[in-house]
């Protein structure tokens, strides 16, 4: 039978009689690296005599000799070298844990978990999440996109840090704060006659087929605002999701209505044309909401701050293009 067979740390069935402390493991590792007792004492802040007593205490507890004396230096026995190898692994794990704790405190480690409605989740946040994670290898992000109607039933403070969506669609029992605003854009295909106009009035739109996501509560509010200005659409076609709206408008079906972020790429490449609407600009406020009294973790707080710094979706030159009212 091997002299190590009774030691759990070497693969046997029994565990060591007592767990070795970090200081004791550091002493064993120091002996393995060839340090003197004085050098080891400086590392663990102990006197030389205490180092010797500590080693004897370890040997009594583990039941075998771990060091031999060679001049002024200590050398490990065969069993001691095995123990030193295990000690090095354990101390490495402690070092990793300590480093992780510092990164966690600095908001550079941990997880961010949130739910978002389709527009921010599909068009606004992906690039922000990717940029945030680019230099944060110890951070993970769990984003779940849910319909606005399901935000309330899906959000759970024990599972998610916060929710992002239109202010009107967030659960009222959550504490919400403004995050960013989206401009409502009317757009048409490049070859559409209305796309060539220098100014489009509400009465011009009334003769067009409007295509959009008109079912959600915030879209109903937006059209109530238009109707308060005298607008009455003769024909509206409800289409979900935004990609289907854009596809139908691109085929010449009519005038699309979406939030700017969802058609930013098409506006930039010219495949869809923003209509210069001669009416006060319509906006939707998007908020971030969390459980009442729930403090965000450092990494979640860092992500929210990162979002706030980057959430701008209104081209500065666009205001200059707006017609006089």
Protein backbone atom coordinates (compact mmCIF):
# COMPACT_ATOMS: atom_id res chain seq x y z
CA UNK A 1 0.00 0.00 0.00
CA UNK A 2 1.29 3.44 -0.86
CA UNK A 3 2.21 5.79 1.99
CA UNK A 4 -0.17 8.34 0.41
CA UNK A 5 -3.19 6.05 0.07
CA UNK A 6 -4.92 7.39 3.16
CA UNK A 7 -4.79 11.02 1.99
CA UNK A 8 -7.78 12.31 0.04
CA UNK A 9 -5.69 15.01 -1.59
CA UNK A 10 -3.61 12.30 -3.28
CA UNK A 11 -6.54 10.28 -4.52
CA UNK A 12 -7.26 8.16 -1.41
CA UNK A 13 -10.58 7.92 0.37
CA UNK A 14 -9.82 9.91 3.52
CA UNK A 15 -9.56 13.66 3.69
CA UNK A 16 -6.85 15.54 5.56
CA UNK A 17 -7.55 15.81 9.29
CA UNK A 18 -7.95 19.57 8.97
CA UNK A 19 -8.08 22.10 6.15
CA UNK A 20 -4.79 23.91 5.65
CA UNK A 21 -4.94 27.68 5.84
CA UNK A 22 -3.81 30.01 3.07
CA UNK A 23 -0.76 30.96 5.18
CA UNK A 24 0.17 27.30 5.62
CA UNK A 25 -0.23 26.58 1.92
CA UNK A 26 1.93 29.65 1.16
CA UNK A 27 4.66 28.32 3.48
CA UNK A 28 4.63 24.94 1.72
CA UNK A 29 4.81 26.63 -1.67
CA UNK A 30 7.67 28.82 -0.43
CA UNK A 31 9.69 25.81 0.67
CA UNK A 32 9.04 24.18 -2.72
CA UNK A 33 10.44 27.26 -4.49
CA UNK A 34 13.66 27.09 -2.45
CA UNK A 35 13.05 30.12 -0.22
CA UNK A 36 14.61 30.37 3.22
CA UNK A 37 12.50 30.56 6.35
CA UNK A 38 13.33 34.26 6.59
CA UNK A 39 12.11 34.88 3.03
CA UNK A 40 8.98 32.85 3.64
CA UNK A 41 8.37 34.74 6.88
CA UNK A 42 8.54 38.06 5.05
CA UNK A 43 5.93 36.82 2.57
CA UNK A 44 3.43 35.68 5.21
CA UNK A 45 4.47 38.24 7.87
CA UNK A 46 5.61 35.66 10.43
CA UNK A 47 8.80 35.24 12.48
CA UNK A 48 11.24 32.47 11.54
CA UNK A 49 10.49 30.59 14.71
CA UNK A 50 6.80 30.70 13.93
CA UNK A 51 7.47 29.29 10.45
CA UNK A 52 9.23 26.29 12.01
CA UNK A 53 6.39 25.72 14.49
CA UNK A 54 3.83 26.02 11.70
CA UNK A 55 5.58 23.39 9.58
CA UNK A 56 5.73 20.99 12.56
CA UNK A 57 2.02 21.62 13.17
CA UNK A 58 1.22 20.79 9.54
CA UNK A 59 3.23 17.55 9.78
CA UNK A 60 1.43 16.52 12.96
CA UNK A 61 -1.97 17.09 11.36
CA UNK A 62 -1.26 15.39 8.03
CA UNK A 63 0.61 12.53 9.65
CA UNK A 64 3.85 12.57 7.66
CA UNK A 65 7.03 14.59 7.28
CA UNK A 66 6.86 17.26 4.59
CA UNK A 67 10.32 18.85 4.96
CA UNK A 68 13.94 17.87 5.55
CA UNK A 69 16.64 20.26 6.76
CA UNK A 70 19.61 20.89 4.47
CA UNK A 71 21.91 23.50 5.99
CA UNK A 72 19.94 26.69 6.42
CA UNK A 73 17.37 25.72 3.88
CA UNK A 74 14.40 23.44 4.07
CA UNK A 75 13.71 20.86 1.42
CA UNK A 76 10.49 19.05 0.75
CA UNK A 77 10.12 15.32 1.18
CA UNK A 78 8.54 13.31 -1.64
CA UNK A 79 5.15 13.60 0.06
CA UNK A 80 5.83 17.28 0.71
CA UNK A 81 6.41 17.87 -3.01
CA UNK A 82 3.06 16.29 -3.78
CA UNK A 83 1.42 18.50 -1.17
CA UNK A 84 3.20 21.57 -2.59
CA UNK A 85 1.80 20.82 -6.05
CA UNK A 86 -1.70 20.73 -4.63
CA UNK A 87 -1.01 23.86 -2.58
CA UNK A 88 0.07 25.71 -5.72
CA UNK A 89 -3.21 24.82 -7.45
CA UNK A 90 -5.27 25.94 -4.46
CA UNK A 91 -3.40 29.23 -4.07
CA UNK A 92 -3.75 29.86 -7.79
CA UNK A 93 -7.51 29.50 -7.38
CA UNK A 94 -7.40 31.97 -4.47
CA UNK A 95 -5.48 34.43 -6.61
CA UNK A 96 -8.03 34.05 -9.41
CA UNK A 97 -10.88 34.59 -6.95
CA UNK A 98 -9.25 37.69 -5.53
CA UNK A 99 -8.69 39.09 -9.02
CA UNK A 100 -12.29 38.27 -9.98
CA UNK A 101 -13.57 40.07 -6.87
CA UNK A 102 -11.64 43.20 -7.84
CA UNK A 103 -12.98 43.03 -11.39
CA UNK A 104 -16.49 42.47 -10.03
CA UNK A 105 -16.24 45.56 -7.83
CA UNK A 106 -14.96 47.60 -10.79
CA UNK A 107 -17.89 46.49 -12.98
CA UNK A 108 -15.65 44.46 -15.27
CA UNK A 109 -16.87 41.00 -14.26
CA UNK A 110 -20.24 39.37 -13.66
CA UNK A 111 -23.45 39.15 -15.63
CA UNK A 112 -26.07 41.60 -16.88
CA UNK A 113 -29.56 40.19 -17.41
CA UNK A 114 -32.44 42.20 -18.87
CA UNK A 115 -35.46 42.04 -21.12
CA UNK A 116 -36.24 44.49 -23.91
CA UNK A 117 -39.06 45.17 -26.33
CA UNK A 118 -38.43 44.48 -30.01
CA UNK A 119 -37.21 47.88 -31.23
CA UNK A 120 -34.45 48.48 -28.65
CA UNK A 121 -33.68 44.76 -28.46
CA UNK A 122 -33.36 44.27 -32.22
CA UNK A 123 -31.98 47.61 -33.46
CA UNK A 124 -30.65 49.75 -30.63
CA UNK A 125 -28.89 47.49 -28.16
CA UNK A 126 -26.99 44.81 -30.18
CA UNK A 127 -24.14 47.14 -31.16
CA UNK A 128 -23.99 48.62 -27.65
CA UNK A 129 -23.82 45.16 -26.09
CA UNK A 130 -21.09 44.08 -28.52
CA UNK A 131 -18.98 47.19 -27.86
CA UNK A 132 -19.46 46.84 -24.10
CA UNK A 133 -18.24 43.24 -24.15
CA UNK A 134 -15.31 43.91 -26.49
CA UNK A 135 -12.81 44.55 -23.67
CA UNK A 136 -14.66 42.85 -20.81
CA UNK A 137 -13.85 39.15 -21.09
CA UNK A 138 -15.32 38.35 -17.68
CA UNK A 139 -18.71 39.90 -18.39
CA UNK A 140 -21.71 38.12 -19.88
CA UNK A 141 -24.94 39.68 -21.12
CA UNK A 142 -28.29 37.90 -21.24
CA UNK A 143 -30.79 39.93 -23.27
CA UNK A 144 -34.25 38.51 -23.91
CA UNK A 145 -36.49 40.22 -26.48
CA UNK A 146 -40.18 39.99 -25.65
CA UNK A 147 -43.33 41.64 -27.04
CA UNK A 148 -44.42 44.73 -25.20
CA UNK A 149 -47.59 42.98 -24.09
CA UNK A 150 -45.45 40.36 -22.33
CA UNK A 151 -43.05 42.68 -20.54
CA UNK A 152 -45.07 42.63 -17.34
CA UNK A 153 -45.52 38.85 -17.18
CA UNK A 154 -41.92 38.11 -18.16
CA UNK A 155 -40.06 40.46 -15.87
CA UNK A 156 -38.85 38.88 -12.65
CA UNK A 157 -36.55 40.83 -10.31
CA UNK A 158 -34.90 37.58 -9.26
CA UNK A 159 -34.00 36.73 -12.86
CA UNK A 160 -33.55 40.08 -14.61
CA UNK A 161 -31.77 43.25 -13.55
CA UNK A 162 -34.04 45.59 -15.51
CA UNK A 163 -36.44 45.94 -18.42
CA UNK A 164 -36.24 48.33 -21.41
CA UNK A 165 -39.22 49.36 -23.48
CA UNK A 166 -41.69 52.15 -24.30
CA UNK A 167 -42.64 54.02 -21.16
CA UNK A 168 -46.30 53.30 -21.78
CA UNK A 169 -45.70 49.55 -22.01
CA UNK A 170 -43.59 48.96 -18.90
CA UNK A 171 -45.15 47.40 -15.79
CA UNK A 172 -46.43 50.27 -13.61
CA UNK A 173 -45.25 48.60 -10.42
CA UNK A 174 -41.62 48.94 -11.55
CA UNK A 175 -39.55 52.05 -10.94
CA UNK A 176 -38.87 53.51 -14.40
CA UNK A 177 -36.45 56.17 -15.60
CA UNK A 178 -36.06 57.80 -19.00
CA UNK A 179 -33.40 56.11 -21.14
CA UNK A 180 -33.71 57.59 -24.65
CA UNK A 181 -36.26 58.86 -27.14
CA UNK A 182 -37.05 57.62 -30.63
CA UNK A 183 -38.30 59.71 -33.52
CA UNK A 184 -41.25 58.33 -35.48
CA UNK A 185 -40.39 58.28 -39.19
CA UNK A 186 -42.69 58.13 -42.20
CA UNK A 187 -40.89 56.64 -45.18
CA UNK A 188 -41.46 55.38 -48.70
CA UNK A 189 -39.70 53.42 -51.41
CA UNK A 190 -37.11 55.29 -53.47
CA UNK A 191 -39.30 55.42 -56.60
CA UNK A 192 -42.56 56.40 -54.87
CA UNK A 193 -44.07 59.70 -56.03
CA UNK A 194 -44.46 60.99 -52.47
CA UNK A 195 -40.75 60.38 -51.84
CA UNK A 196 -39.85 63.09 -54.37
CA UNK A 197 -41.75 65.84 -52.57
CA UNK A 198 -39.87 68.54 -50.69
CA UNK A 199 -42.60 68.68 -48.05
CA UNK A 200 -45.36 66.26 -47.07
CA UNK A 201 -48.41 67.44 -45.14
CA UNK A 202 -50.77 65.40 -42.98
CA UNK A 203 -53.43 65.77 -45.65
CA UNK A 204 -51.01 64.29 -48.21
CA UNK A 205 -50.53 61.27 -45.95
CA UNK A 206 -54.27 60.82 -45.59
CA UNK A 207 -54.42 59.69 -49.22
CA UNK A 208 -51.66 57.11 -48.77
CA UNK A 209 -51.81 53.53 -47.52
CA UNK A 210 -49.98 53.47 -44.19
CA UNK A 211 -48.05 50.34 -43.21
CA UNK A 212 -46.85 49.77 -39.67
CA UNK A 213 -47.15 48.10 -36.27
CA UNK A 214 -50.35 49.77 -35.19
CA UNK A 215 -51.45 47.21 -32.63
CA UNK A 216 -49.24 48.21 -29.68
CA UNK A 217 -50.51 50.71 -27.14
CA UNK A 218 -47.74 53.24 -27.81
CA UNK A 219 -48.52 53.25 -31.55
CA UNK A 220 -52.19 53.85 -30.79
CA UNK A 221 -51.14 56.83 -28.66
CA UNK A 222 -48.96 58.17 -31.49
CA UNK A 223 -51.84 58.05 -33.97
CA UNK A 224 -54.16 59.67 -31.46
CA UNK A 225 -51.72 62.61 -31.46
CA UNK A 226 -51.89 62.76 -35.26
CA UNK A 227 -55.68 62.59 -35.23
CA UNK A 228 -55.74 65.45 -32.73
CA UNK A 229 -54.01 67.49 -35.45
CA UNK A 230 -56.75 66.60 -37.95
CA UNK A 231 -55.12 63.57 -39.56
CA UNK A 232 -57.36 60.71 -40.70
CA UNK A 233 -55.78 57.77 -42.52
CA UNK A 234 -57.99 56.35 -45.25
CA UNK A 235 -56.23 52.99 -45.18
CA UNK A 236 -53.91 51.36 -42.65
CA UNK A 237 -52.28 47.96 -42.94
CA UNK A 238 -50.96 46.42 -39.76
CA UNK A 239 -47.78 44.38 -40.24
CA UNK A 240 -45.48 42.73 -37.68
CA UNK A 241 -42.46 42.72 -37.41
CA UNK A 242 -40.60 45.87 -38.62
CA UNK A 243 -38.68 43.89 -41.23
CA UNK A 244 -41.98 42.95 -42.87
CA UNK A 245 -43.09 46.59 -42.80
CA UNK A 246 -39.92 47.64 -44.62
CA UNK A 247 -40.24 44.82 -47.15
CA UNK A 248 -43.81 45.81 -48.06
CA UNK A 249 -42.97 49.49 -48.38
CA UNK A 250 -39.96 48.62 -50.55
CA UNK A 251 -42.40 46.85 -52.90
CA UNK A 252 -44.36 50.09 -53.28
CA UNK A 253 -47.34 49.17 -51.08
CA UNK A 254 -47.51 52.55 -49.37
CA UNK A 255 -45.93 54.73 -46.69
CA UNK A 256 -44.26 52.99 -43.76
CA UNK A 257 -44.30 54.19 -40.17
CA UNK A 258 -41.56 52.97 -37.80
CA UNK A 259 -39.10 54.18 -35.23
CA UNK A 260 -35.95 55.65 -36.73
CA UNK A 261 -33.53 53.10 -35.30
CA UNK A 262 -35.35 50.25 -37.06
CA UNK A 263 -34.82 51.81 -40.52
CA UNK A 264 -31.50 53.56 -39.94
CA UNK A 265 -29.59 51.27 -42.30
CA UNK A 266 -32.11 51.69 -45.14
CA UNK A 267 -32.21 55.47 -44.72
CA UNK A 268 -28.44 55.61 -44.80
CA UNK A 269 -28.10 53.52 -47.97
CA UNK A 270 -31.00 55.30 -49.70
CA UNK A 271 -33.16 52.23 -50.30
CA UNK A 272 -35.92 53.88 -48.24
CA UNK A 273 -36.62 57.60 -48.19
CA UNK A 274 -37.56 59.61 -45.13
CA UNK A 275 -40.58 61.83 -45.85
CA UNK A 276 -40.14 65.48 -44.80
CA UNK A 277 -43.35 65.67 -42.78
CA UNK A 278 -44.68 69.20 -42.26
CA UNK A 279 -45.90 68.51 -38.73
CA UNK A 280 -44.45 68.57 -35.24
CA UNK A 281 -42.05 65.62 -34.89
CA UNK A 282 -43.50 62.62 -33.11
CA UNK A 283 -41.44 60.79 -30.52
CA UNK A 284 -41.69 57.81 -28.23
CA UNK A 285 -39.97 57.74 -24.86
CA UNK A 286 -38.15 54.54 -23.97
CA UNK A 287 -37.42 53.83 -20.33
CA UNK A 288 -35.42 51.47 -18.17
CA UNK A 289 -37.24 49.94 -15.23
CA UNK A 290 -36.24 47.76 -12.31
CA UNK A 291 -37.65 46.40 -9.09
CA UNK A 292 -38.35 48.94 -6.39
CA UNK A 293 -35.43 49.28 -4.03
CA UNK A 294 -33.30 46.82 -5.98
CA UNK A 295 -29.71 48.04 -6.30
CA UNK A 296 -27.97 47.07 -9.52
CA UNK A 297 -24.73 45.12 -9.40
CA UNK A 298 -21.56 47.05 -10.32
CA UNK A 299 -21.43 45.49 -13.79
CA UNK A 300 -25.14 46.15 -14.45
CA UNK A 301 -24.66 49.76 -13.32
CA UNK A 302 -21.65 50.06 -15.62
CA UNK A 303 -23.69 48.72 -18.54
CA UNK A 304 -26.56 51.16 -17.91
CA UNK A 305 -24.11 54.07 -17.79
CA UNK A 306 -22.51 52.81 -21.00
CA UNK A 307 -25.94 52.70 -22.69
CA UNK A 308 -26.83 56.22 -21.62
CA UNK A 309 -23.60 57.58 -23.10
CA UNK A 310 -24.32 56.04 -26.51
CA UNK A 311 -28.06 56.31 -27.00
CA UNK A 312 -28.41 59.03 -29.63
CA UNK A 313 -30.63 58.35 -32.64
CA UNK A 314 -31.32 61.75 -34.13
CA UNK A 315 -29.02 62.96 -36.92
CA UNK A 316 -28.04 66.55 -36.04
CA UNK A 317 -28.63 67.69 -39.61
CA UNK A 318 -32.22 66.45 -39.61
CA UNK A 319 -33.64 69.39 -37.65
CA UNK A 320 -32.28 71.74 -40.30
CA UNK A 321 -34.25 69.87 -42.95
CA UNK A 322 -37.58 70.23 -41.18
CA UNK A 323 -39.97 72.62 -42.97
CA UNK A 324 -41.26 75.69 -41.22
CA UNK A 325 -44.63 75.16 -39.57
